[in-house]
Protein backbone atom coordinates (compact mmCIF):
# COMPACT_ATOMS: atom_id res chain seq x y z
CA MET A 1 0.00 0.00 0.00
CA LYS A 2 1.25 3.49 -0.86
CA THR A 3 0.23 6.70 0.84
CA LEU A 4 -0.23 9.90 -1.13
CA THR A 5 -1.17 13.38 -0.04
CA ILE A 6 -3.31 15.30 -2.50
CA ASP A 7 -4.72 18.81 -2.58
CA ILE A 8 -8.38 19.09 -3.55
CA VAL A 9 -8.69 21.86 -6.13
CA ASN A 10 -12.28 21.22 -7.12
CA ASP A 11 -15.02 19.92 -4.80
CA LYS A 12 -16.29 17.58 -7.54
CA VAL A 13 -13.27 15.39 -6.84
CA ILE A 14 -14.62 14.50 -3.41
CA LYS A 15 -17.53 12.60 -4.97
CA LEU A 16 -15.12 10.74 -7.24
CA LEU A 17 -12.94 9.79 -4.30
CA GLN A 18 -15.98 8.59 -2.36
CA ASP A 19 -16.98 6.41 -5.33
CA LEU A 20 -13.49 4.91 -5.48
CA GLU A 21 -13.65 4.28 -1.75
CA SER A 22 -17.02 2.52 -2.04
CA LEU A 23 -15.47 0.24 -4.68
CA GLN A 24 -12.75 -0.51 -2.12
CA LEU A 25 -10.07 0.76 -4.46
CA ILE A 26 -8.80 3.43 -2.10
CA ARG A 27 -9.21 4.44 1.53
CA VAL A 28 -9.83 8.11 2.29
CA ARG A 29 -8.49 9.41 5.58
CA ARG A 30 -9.34 12.86 6.87
CA GLU A 31 -6.47 14.92 8.17
CA LYS A 32 -6.34 15.43 11.90
CA PRO A 33 -5.85 19.01 13.06
CA LEU A 34 -2.22 19.83 13.58
CA LYS A 35 -1.20 20.20 17.19
CA GLU A 36 0.60 23.42 16.34
CA THR A 37 -2.67 25.09 15.28
CA GLN A 38 -4.53 24.08 18.41
CA ILE A 39 -4.81 26.71 21.12
CA LYS A 40 -2.75 25.95 24.19
CA TRP A 41 -5.29 27.09 26.76
CA GLU A 42 -3.21 26.42 29.83
CA ALA A 43 -0.33 28.50 28.48
CA LYS A 44 -2.70 31.27 27.40
CA TYR A 45 -4.49 31.58 30.73
CA LYS A 46 -1.79 30.40 33.14
CA GLY A 47 -1.77 32.71 36.14
CA ALA A 48 -5.03 34.39 35.14
CA MET A 49 -6.74 33.13 38.28
CA GLN A 50 -5.38 32.81 41.76
CA LYS A 51 -5.83 29.65 43.76
CA GLN A 52 -8.73 29.98 46.18
CA PRO A 53 -10.40 27.62 48.59
CA LEU A 54 -13.46 25.92 47.13
CA ILE A 55 -15.73 27.54 49.73
CA GLU A 56 -14.72 31.02 48.55
CA ILE A 57 -15.44 30.12 44.93
CA ASP A 58 -18.85 28.74 45.89
CA ASN A 59 -19.64 31.92 47.83
CA GLN A 60 -18.64 34.10 44.87
CA LEU A 61 -20.78 32.05 42.50
CA ASN A 62 -23.76 32.27 44.84
CA GLU A 63 -23.34 36.04 45.08
CA LEU A 64 -23.28 36.33 41.30
CA ARG A 65 -26.35 34.13 40.92
CA ASN A 66 -28.25 36.06 43.57
CA SER A 67 -27.45 39.38 41.89
CA TRP A 68 -29.35 38.22 38.78
CA GLU A 69 -32.52 37.54 40.74
């Protein structure tokens, strides 16, 4: 088995590839998102919040909820 990477220039090709796949002549694999393009949330928000006891967080949430009522 050989692996090729192709660039789809025209969307009509997708139907052709699906037909070839249904005939079991090829196998189409979707690309997985590159890890480099994924957002690194922990690096982005590291240090944005201070560590607090759980009771304090619950109290703050309750205050916020009660302010909406």
